[in-house]
Each structure stands twice: as C-alpha cells, then as structure tokens.
Amino acid sequence: MMATMTQSLGATLLDRIGNTPLLRLERITAHLSGVQVLGKAEWANPGGSVKDRAASSIVTAAIRQGRLGQGQHLLDATSGNTGIAYAMLGAAMGFPVTLCVPANVSPERKRILKAYGANVVWTDPGDGSDGAIRKAREMAASEPEKYYYADQYGNDANWQAHYRTTAIEIWEQTAGQLTHFVAGLGTSGTFVGTTRRLKELNPAVQCISMQPDSPFHGLEGLKHMATAIVPKIYDASLADRDLEMPTETAYRMAKRLARTEGLLVGVSAAGAVAAALQIAEEEAARGREAMIVTILPDSADKYLSERFWEEE
C-alpha cells in the first residue's frame, strides 16, 4: 500500500522537490570586481525549505527498505523545517508523523505543523535541538513497534539527497564554473552531501562550512558543533574552512537582503550569505575572480515574528 502510494505521488509532490533557482546577489557585491555570489532559493520546494530534499530521501528509502510500515509513526527530532517536510509527506502519503520540537521555535512553524496534522511533543527550549534528539531517542526506545525513528542527524539518506540532487543542480546551473561553496551546519547533510559530490566533480572547489559562534544563538536550525550532540553524518574533514557566524551579523544581513536585493530570507540563509560575502571580499582583495554559491535554506515567512525585524 505504502509503496503504491509512493509510486502514485511520483508525478506530483515528490517530483516538485528540487530544481530550485540559483539567484545572483548583485547589489551586495556591486563594490567587488570579478566576484559573484549566488544563492540557491530552496524556499521554492513545496514544503518551503531545503529540508524537503532530505525528508523525501529519508521517507522513500524507509518505505523501499520496509522500515516504515503500515500504521507506524515516523518519529524524529527537528527544529522545524524537516518536521514540516515530514508532516507534508505524511499528509500526502498517508502515514502518521510524530515530532519532538523545541518549544521556542517560531509561532509560524508551530502553526504549519498543526495545519499538516503532525503530532508534536514540545521539548525544553533551554535544551535546544539536543533536547529534542534525546526525547525522540527515548520514545523510539520505549515503543519500537509504534515508531520508525528517522534520525535525520544520523541517516545517510539525508546527505545522499544532496549528493544526488543539490550538487548536480549547482554544477549544471553554474556550468561547472563555481569556485566556492558555502553552507550552514545543522544536521550537516546539505554541506556533507553537496561537498562530497562537488569535490568529485572538481577537487579545486573550495567548500566552506558555517556555524553559530556560540552555544546560545538565534540561528534556528544550525548547530554549534563544539557544544552540541554532533550529528553522526557530519564529517569535519570535508571543509576547507569553517566560519563562525554571530547571530547579530545574520540578523543584519537578513534586513539588508530584504532592503537591497528584495529578498526575504530566513536567518540561517542570511548567515550563509554573510559568510559567502566574507569570502567574496577576501577573494576580491587578492585580485582573484570567484563564483561563490551558497544555500538559502528557506524564506523569511517563518521568522517574521522575530523582533529583530523591528530594530533599526
């Protein structure tokens, strides 16, 4: 039944995931000669974020392998976007979804999860995403027959989605001319999968990871790896460089992109652009040409209740 449902969705929801636009950020780089910054607009996915790629890969692999059976709940920990993607897929494909989510995620995310009919277990905000992970592990261990624990932080289908799709799209959209790739670290799947494939296509591409600069930050969905539960799929050796991003810098960039590029992006996307711009300025200062591609995981739709938008 579930496999048949997956096949019937082949020409609809699943086929709408991926093939997102690559946008040139022109005004923030207007002062730089010979350097381009391009952002992959992942909000064009049907669930509104880059996490549609990983979630669909995880779900289809689980169904194919017989691990997500009829009546079982898909269970996972999430800060929001992967949960939204799971909930969307569950509603469309007919399986229940249970999510462990920090209670301080944005009100918009809470409303979207409710709209899709997901079962949500709210966890202590002070424990962040790690608290949600611990709760999901506890629930999976106590009722293994009820739950398929998707474990996005340790599931190879996560990074494989980006190896198969995101990297290839970027390569084709830039005609293989990109020189740098920049992405934030949450589960790390986007960075790990895309980097692995890009390095195969051209080992000279510089791949830069970005993470929050402290354990207590406002970059929802990202992890400060030194103090967090490190995702099993994370491979620190892949990064040519790792940049730490202050929350305030990401907030400023979000407002700057809205007011100069006409783009309303999420906070992690703004942090990724700030990191890409830092690389761009360094390359321009050295007199080198560069094409820097970064991931814009989602739009600002789920963050407009954040107070920083009101601050000058």
Foldseek 3Di string as FASTA:
>chain_A
DLVVLVVVCPVPQVVQQAPFDKAWPDPLCVVFPQETEIAGARCSRPLFFNLLLLLVLLVVVCVVVVNQDPQAEEEEEAQASNLSNNLQCCLSRPYAYEYEHAPPFFPLRVVSNVVSPHHYDYFHNVCPSQRRHVVRVVVCVVCVPRYRYSQLLAHLSLLQSLLPGVLVSVCVVVVNAAQEEEEEAASCSNQVNNLVNNCVVPVRRAYEYEAAPDQDADQGRGHPCVPHDHRNSDDPVSHPYYYHFHQVQLLVQQLVCCVPVVFAAGSRLSRRVSVQVVVSVVCSVVVHRHYYYYYRGGGCPRPPVPPSNVPD
